[in-house]
Amino acid sequence: VQLQASGGGLVQAGGSLNLSCAASERTFVMGWFRQAPGKDREFVARITWTGNIKYADSVKGRFTISRDNAKNTVNLQMNSLKPEDTAVYYCALDRGLGATMRGDYWGQGTLVTVSS
């Protein structure tokens, strides 16, 4: 499975960005992780084929994940961005649904920088 992510960039605190990821084939779970400088990669959000959604507590109420099953794409609308949201964001896919998202497949990452 190949993943192509896009949409990162530089934005001021309080601003918005939208990330998109296109997959080469359909999978049950699509989602996003991020890795800030000097920190471990962390889960951000995921959505299943049936529309079941889960968010990390740190982004609830600010980020919205959605997917287009016909196009095998997943989007992450990020609003009210904070400097601590600065990270490389990775699109990920899982074949099946588990208690946590594993990341069976990974995209190349797209950098999001939020200035204060």
N, C-alpha and C. Protein backbone atom coordinates (compact mmCIF):
# COMPACT_ATOMS: atom_id res chain seq x y z
N VAL A 1 0.85 -1.19 0.00
CA VAL A 1 0.00 0.00 0.00
C VAL A 1 0.89 1.25 0.00
N GLN A 2 0.59 2.17 -0.86
CA GLN A 2 1.34 3.42 -0.92
C GLN A 2 0.47 4.56 -0.44
N LEU A 3 1.10 5.48 0.28
CA LEU A 3 0.40 6.62 0.85
C LEU A 3 1.09 7.90 0.41
N GLN A 4 0.31 8.89 0.07
CA GLN A 4 0.85 10.19 -0.33
C GLN A 4 0.15 11.26 0.47
N ALA A 5 0.91 11.90 1.37
CA ALA A 5 0.34 12.95 2.22
C ALA A 5 0.72 14.32 1.68
N SER A 6 -0.14 15.28 1.97
CA SER A 6 0.12 16.66 1.55
C SER A 6 -0.61 17.62 2.48
N GLY A 7 -0.22 18.90 2.40
CA GLY A 7 -0.96 19.91 3.12
C GLY A 7 -0.25 20.56 4.29
N GLY A 8 0.94 20.12 4.62
CA GLY A 8 1.66 20.74 5.71
C GLY A 8 2.11 22.14 5.36
N GLY A 9 2.65 22.84 6.34
CA GLY A 9 3.14 24.18 6.09
C GLY A 9 3.33 24.96 7.37
N LEU A 10 3.51 26.25 7.22
CA LEU A 10 3.74 27.16 8.35
C LEU A 10 2.47 27.98 8.58
N VAL A 11 2.05 28.05 9.83
CA VAL A 11 0.85 28.81 10.16
C VAL A 11 1.04 29.45 11.53
N GLN A 12 0.40 30.56 11.75
CA GLN A 12 0.46 31.21 13.05
C GLN A 12 -0.47 30.51 14.04
N ALA A 13 -0.16 30.65 15.30
CA ALA A 13 -1.01 30.08 16.34
C ALA A 13 -2.43 30.61 16.18
N GLY A 14 -3.39 29.70 16.32
CA GLY A 14 -4.79 30.05 16.13
C GLY A 14 -5.28 29.81 14.72
N GLY A 15 -4.36 29.55 13.83
CA GLY A 15 -4.72 29.33 12.44
C GLY A 15 -5.15 27.90 12.16
N SER A 16 -5.34 27.62 10.88
CA SER A 16 -5.84 26.31 10.44
C SER A 16 -5.01 25.76 9.30
N LEU A 17 -4.97 24.46 9.22
CA LEU A 17 -4.38 23.74 8.11
C LEU A 17 -5.20 22.49 7.85
N ASN A 18 -5.16 22.03 6.61
CA ASN A 18 -5.82 20.77 6.28
C ASN A 18 -4.80 19.82 5.67
N LEU A 19 -4.69 18.65 6.22
CA LEU A 19 -3.81 17.62 5.68
C LEU A 19 -4.65 16.60 4.93
N SER A 20 -4.08 16.11 3.84
CA SER A 20 -4.74 15.09 3.05
C SER A 20 -3.80 13.93 2.81
N CYS A 21 -4.37 12.76 2.66
CA CYS A 21 -3.57 11.57 2.38
C CYS A 21 -4.35 10.68 1.44
N ALA A 22 -3.70 10.26 0.37
CA ALA A 22 -4.31 9.37 -0.60
C ALA A 22 -3.64 8.01 -0.52
N ALA A 23 -4.45 6.96 -0.43
CA ALA A 23 -3.94 5.60 -0.36
C ALA A 23 -4.14 4.90 -1.69
N SER A 24 -3.25 3.96 -1.99
CA SER A 24 -3.33 3.26 -3.27
C SER A 24 -4.39 2.16 -3.26
N GLU A 25 -4.86 1.79 -2.05
CA GLU A 25 -5.93 0.82 -1.96
C GLU A 25 -6.73 1.04 -0.68
N ARG A 26 -7.85 0.40 -0.62
CA ARG A 26 -8.76 0.58 0.51
C ARG A 26 -8.29 -0.20 1.73
N THR A 27 -8.33 0.43 2.89
CA THR A 27 -8.07 -0.26 4.14
C THR A 27 -9.12 0.16 5.16
N PHE A 28 -9.24 -0.65 6.19
CA PHE A 28 -10.32 -0.43 7.14
C PHE A 28 -10.12 0.82 7.99
N VAL A 29 -8.90 1.04 8.44
CA VAL A 29 -8.62 2.16 9.33
C VAL A 29 -7.62 3.11 8.68
N MET A 30 -7.93 4.38 8.67
CA MET A 30 -7.02 5.42 8.19
C MET A 30 -6.85 6.43 9.30
N GLY A 31 -5.64 6.95 9.42
CA GLY A 31 -5.43 7.88 10.53
C GLY A 31 -4.16 8.68 10.40
N TRP A 32 -3.88 9.41 11.47
CA TRP A 32 -2.72 10.29 11.51
C TRP A 32 -1.97 10.14 12.83
N PHE A 33 -0.66 10.19 12.72
CA PHE A 33 0.24 10.28 13.86
C PHE A 33 1.08 11.53 13.67
N ARG A 34 1.79 11.91 14.70
CA ARG A 34 2.73 13.02 14.57
C ARG A 34 3.95 12.79 15.46
N GLN A 35 5.03 13.42 15.05
CA GLN A 35 6.26 13.33 15.83
C GLN A 35 6.90 14.70 15.93
N ALA A 36 6.93 15.22 17.14
CA ALA A 36 7.54 16.52 17.38
C ALA A 36 9.04 16.32 17.59
N PRO A 37 9.82 17.37 17.38
CA PRO A 37 11.28 17.26 17.55
C PRO A 37 11.65 16.76 18.94
N GLY A 38 12.45 15.71 18.98
CA GLY A 38 12.90 15.17 20.25
C GLY A 38 11.89 14.34 21.00
N LYS A 39 10.76 14.05 20.37
CA LYS A 39 9.72 13.28 21.04
C LYS A 39 9.36 12.03 20.25
N ASP A 40 8.69 11.11 20.91
CA ASP A 40 8.24 9.91 20.23
C ASP A 40 7.04 10.22 19.34
N ARG A 41 6.83 9.35 18.36
CA ARG A 41 5.67 9.48 17.52
C ARG A 41 4.41 9.21 18.36
N GLU A 42 3.38 10.01 18.15
CA GLU A 42 2.15 9.84 18.92
C GLU A 42 0.93 9.82 18.01
N PHE A 43 -0.08 9.12 18.48
CA PHE A 43 -1.34 9.01 17.76
C PHE A 43 -2.07 10.34 17.80
N VAL A 44 -2.73 10.68 16.68
CA VAL A 44 -3.51 11.92 16.61
C VAL A 44 -5.00 11.61 16.44
N ALA A 45 -5.32 10.86 15.40
CA ALA A 45 -6.73 10.57 15.11
C ALA A 45 -6.82 9.42 14.15
N ARG A 46 -7.96 8.70 14.18
CA ARG A 46 -8.20 7.65 13.22
C ARG A 46 -9.69 7.55 12.94
N ILE A 47 -9.97 7.00 11.74
CA ILE A 47 -11.36 6.83 11.32
C ILE A 47 -11.47 5.49 10.60
N THR A 48 -12.50 4.75 10.90
CA THR A 48 -12.70 3.47 10.24
C THR A 48 -13.52 3.62 8.97
N TRP A 49 -13.57 2.56 8.21
CA TRP A 49 -14.37 2.52 7.00
C TRP A 49 -15.83 2.88 7.30
N THR A 50 -16.30 2.50 8.48
CA THR A 50 -17.70 2.74 8.85
C THR A 50 -17.92 4.09 9.54
N GLY A 51 -16.85 4.86 9.68
CA GLY A 51 -16.98 6.19 10.24
C GLY A 51 -16.77 6.30 11.74
N ASN A 52 -16.28 5.25 12.36
CA ASN A 52 -15.97 5.32 13.78
C ASN A 52 -14.69 6.13 13.96
N ILE A 53 -14.74 7.11 14.82
CA ILE A 53 -13.64 8.07 14.96
C ILE A 53 -13.09 8.07 16.39
N LYS A 54 -11.78 8.24 16.46
CA LYS A 54 -11.12 8.38 17.75
C LYS A 54 -10.07 9.48 17.64
N TYR A 55 -9.97 10.31 18.66
CA TYR A 55 -8.98 11.39 18.70
C TYR A 55 -8.11 11.26 19.95
N ALA A 56 -6.90 11.77 19.83
CA ALA A 56 -6.08 11.96 21.01
C ALA A 56 -6.70 13.10 21.83
N ASP A 57 -6.58 13.02 23.13
CA ASP A 57 -7.16 14.06 23.98
C ASP A 57 -6.63 15.44 23.64
N SER A 58 -5.38 15.51 23.23
CA SER A 58 -4.73 16.79 22.98
C SER A 58 -5.31 17.53 21.78
N VAL A 59 -6.06 16.84 20.91
CA VAL A 59 -6.58 17.49 19.71
C VAL A 59 -8.10 17.52 19.66
N LYS A 60 -8.75 16.89 20.62
CA LYS A 60 -10.21 16.86 20.64
C LYS A 60 -10.79 18.28 20.63
N GLY A 61 -11.79 18.48 19.79
CA GLY A 61 -12.43 19.79 19.70
C GLY A 61 -11.73 20.76 18.77
N ARG A 62 -10.53 20.41 18.33
CA ARG A 62 -9.77 21.29 17.43
C ARG A 62 -9.52 20.65 16.07
N PHE A 63 -9.32 19.35 16.06
CA PHE A 63 -9.03 18.63 14.82
C PHE A 63 -10.25 17.80 14.42
N THR A 64 -10.43 17.67 13.11
CA THR A 64 -11.52 16.84 12.59
C THR A 64 -10.97 15.93 11.50
N ILE A 65 -11.19 14.64 11.67
CA ILE A 65 -10.74 13.67 10.67
C ILE A 65 -11.94 13.24 9.85
N SER A 66 -11.71 13.03 8.57
CA SER A 66 -12.75 12.56 7.68
C SER A 66 -12.12 11.72 6.59
N ARG A 67 -12.93 10.94 5.91
CA ARG A 67 -12.40 10.13 4.82
C ARG A 67 -13.42 10.04 3.70
N ASP A 68 -12.89 9.79 2.52
CA ASP A 68 -13.70 9.56 1.34
C ASP A 68 -13.40 8.13 0.90
N ASN A 69 -14.30 7.23 1.19
CA ASN A 69 -14.06 5.82 0.88
C ASN A 69 -13.95 5.56 -0.62
N ALA A 70 -14.66 6.32 -1.40
CA ALA A 70 -14.62 6.12 -2.86
C ALA A 70 -13.25 6.49 -3.44
N LYS A 71 -12.59 7.45 -2.80
CA LYS A 71 -11.30 7.93 -3.29
C LYS A 71 -10.12 7.40 -2.47
N ASN A 72 -10.40 6.66 -1.41
CA ASN A 72 -9.35 6.15 -0.52
C ASN A 72 -8.49 7.29 0.02
N THR A 73 -9.14 8.34 0.46
CA THR A 73 -8.43 9.48 1.03
C THR A 73 -8.89 9.75 2.46
N VAL A 74 -8.00 10.32 3.22
CA VAL A 74 -8.31 10.74 4.59
C VAL A 74 -7.81 12.16 4.77
N ASN A 75 -8.59 12.97 5.44
CA ASN A 75 -8.23 14.36 5.68
C ASN A 75 -8.18 14.64 7.17
N LEU A 76 -7.36 15.60 7.52
CA LEU A 76 -7.29 16.05 8.91
C LEU A 76 -7.38 17.58 8.88
N GLN A 77 -8.53 18.10 9.28
CA GLN A 77 -8.71 19.54 9.38
C GLN A 77 -8.26 19.96 10.77
N MET A 78 -7.27 20.83 10.81
CA MET A 78 -6.69 21.25 12.08
C MET A 78 -6.99 22.72 12.31
N ASN A 79 -7.76 23.02 13.32
CA ASN A 79 -8.13 24.39 13.67
C ASN A 79 -7.53 24.76 15.02
N SER A 80 -7.53 26.04 15.30
CA SER A 80 -7.02 26.55 16.58
C SER A 80 -5.65 25.96 16.90
N LEU A 81 -4.78 25.98 15.92
CA LEU A 81 -3.47 25.36 16.08
C LEU A 81 -2.64 26.06 17.14
N LYS A 82 -1.85 25.26 17.84
CA LYS A 82 -0.98 25.75 18.90
C LYS A 82 0.47 25.44 18.55
N PRO A 83 1.41 26.18 19.11
CA PRO A 83 2.82 25.87 18.85
C PRO A 83 3.16 24.41 19.19
N GLU A 84 2.53 23.85 20.17
CA GLU A 84 2.81 22.46 20.54
C GLU A 84 2.27 21.45 19.54
N ASP A 85 1.53 21.90 18.55
CA ASP A 85 1.10 21.02 17.45
C ASP A 85 2.18 20.88 16.38
N THR A 86 3.24 21.64 16.51
CA THR A 86 4.34 21.56 15.56
C THR A 86 4.94 20.16 15.56
N ALA A 87 4.98 19.55 14.39
CA ALA A 87 5.46 18.17 14.27
C ALA A 87 5.44 17.76 12.81
N VAL A 88 6.07 16.63 12.55
CA VAL A 88 5.88 15.96 11.27
C VAL A 88 4.67 15.05 11.43
N TYR A 89 3.71 15.21 10.56
CA TYR A 89 2.47 14.44 10.61
C TYR A 89 2.55 13.30 9.59
N TYR A 90 2.20 12.12 10.05
CA TYR A 90 2.26 10.93 9.22
C TYR A 90 0.87 10.33 9.04
N CYS A 91 0.55 10.07 7.81
CA CYS A 91 -0.65 9.32 7.49
C CYS A 91 -0.36 7.83 7.73
N ALA A 92 -1.32 7.12 8.25
CA ALA A 92 -1.12 5.70 8.52
C ALA A 92 -2.39 4.92 8.23
N LEU A 93 -2.21 3.65 7.92
CA LEU A 93 -3.33 2.76 7.64
C LEU A 93 -3.19 1.50 8.46
N ASP A 94 -4.31 0.95 8.90
CA ASP A 94 -4.35 -0.36 9.53
C ASP A 94 -5.33 -1.24 8.76
N ARG A 95 -4.97 -2.51 8.62
CA ARG A 95 -5.86 -3.45 7.94
C ARG A 95 -7.10 -3.72 8.78
N GLY A 96 -6.92 -3.80 10.09
CA GLY A 96 -8.03 -4.08 10.96
C GLY A 96 -8.08 -3.12 12.13
N LEU A 97 -9.13 -3.20 12.91
CA LEU A 97 -9.33 -2.30 14.04
C LEU A 97 -8.87 -2.97 15.32
N GLY A 98 -7.96 -2.32 16.04
CA GLY A 98 -7.51 -2.79 17.33
C GLY A 98 -7.79 -1.75 18.40
N ALA A 99 -7.38 -2.08 19.62
CA ALA A 99 -7.59 -1.13 20.72
C ALA A 99 -6.85 0.17 20.45
N THR A 100 -5.70 0.06 19.83
CA THR A 100 -4.94 1.24 19.41
C THR A 100 -4.54 1.06 17.96
N MET A 101 -4.28 2.17 17.32
CA MET A 101 -3.87 2.10 15.92
C MET A 101 -2.40 1.70 15.84
N ARG A 102 -2.11 0.72 15.00
CA ARG A 102 -0.74 0.18 14.95
C ARG A 102 0.13 0.91 13.92
N GLY A 103 -0.47 1.26 12.81
CA GLY A 103 0.31 1.79 11.70
C GLY A 103 0.90 0.66 10.88
N ASP A 104 0.04 -0.11 10.19
CA ASP A 104 0.54 -1.18 9.32
C ASP A 104 1.27 -0.60 8.11
N TYR A 105 0.83 0.56 7.68
CA TYR A 105 1.45 1.24 6.55
C TYR A 105 1.59 2.72 6.90
N TRP A 106 2.69 3.31 6.37
CA TRP A 106 2.99 4.70 6.70
C TRP A 106 3.25 5.54 5.46
N GLY A 107 2.82 6.79 5.53
CA GLY A 107 3.16 7.76 4.51
C GLY A 107 4.49 8.40 4.83
N GLN A 108 4.91 9.35 3.99
CA GLN A 108 6.25 9.92 4.11
C GLN A 108 6.34 11.04 5.13
N GLY A 109 5.25 11.55 5.61
CA GLY A 109 5.27 12.62 6.59
C GLY A 109 5.21 13.99 5.94
N THR A 110 4.51 14.89 6.61
CA THR A 110 4.43 16.27 6.14
C THR A 110 4.59 17.18 7.35
N LEU A 111 5.42 18.21 7.21
CA LEU A 111 5.77 19.06 8.35
C LEU A 111 4.73 20.15 8.57
N VAL A 112 4.31 20.26 9.80
CA VAL A 112 3.42 21.34 10.24
C VAL A 112 4.16 22.17 11.27
N THR A 113 4.29 23.45 11.02
CA THR A 113 4.97 24.35 11.94
C THR A 113 4.00 25.45 12.35
N VAL A 114 3.81 25.58 13.65
CA VAL A 114 2.90 26.59 14.18
C VAL A 114 3.73 27.60 14.96
N SER A 115 3.72 28.82 14.49
CA SER A 115 4.51 29.87 15.14
C SER A 115 3.67 30.59 16.20
N SER A 116 4.35 31.06 17.23
CA SER A 116 3.63 31.73 18.33
C SER A 116 3.55 33.23 18.10
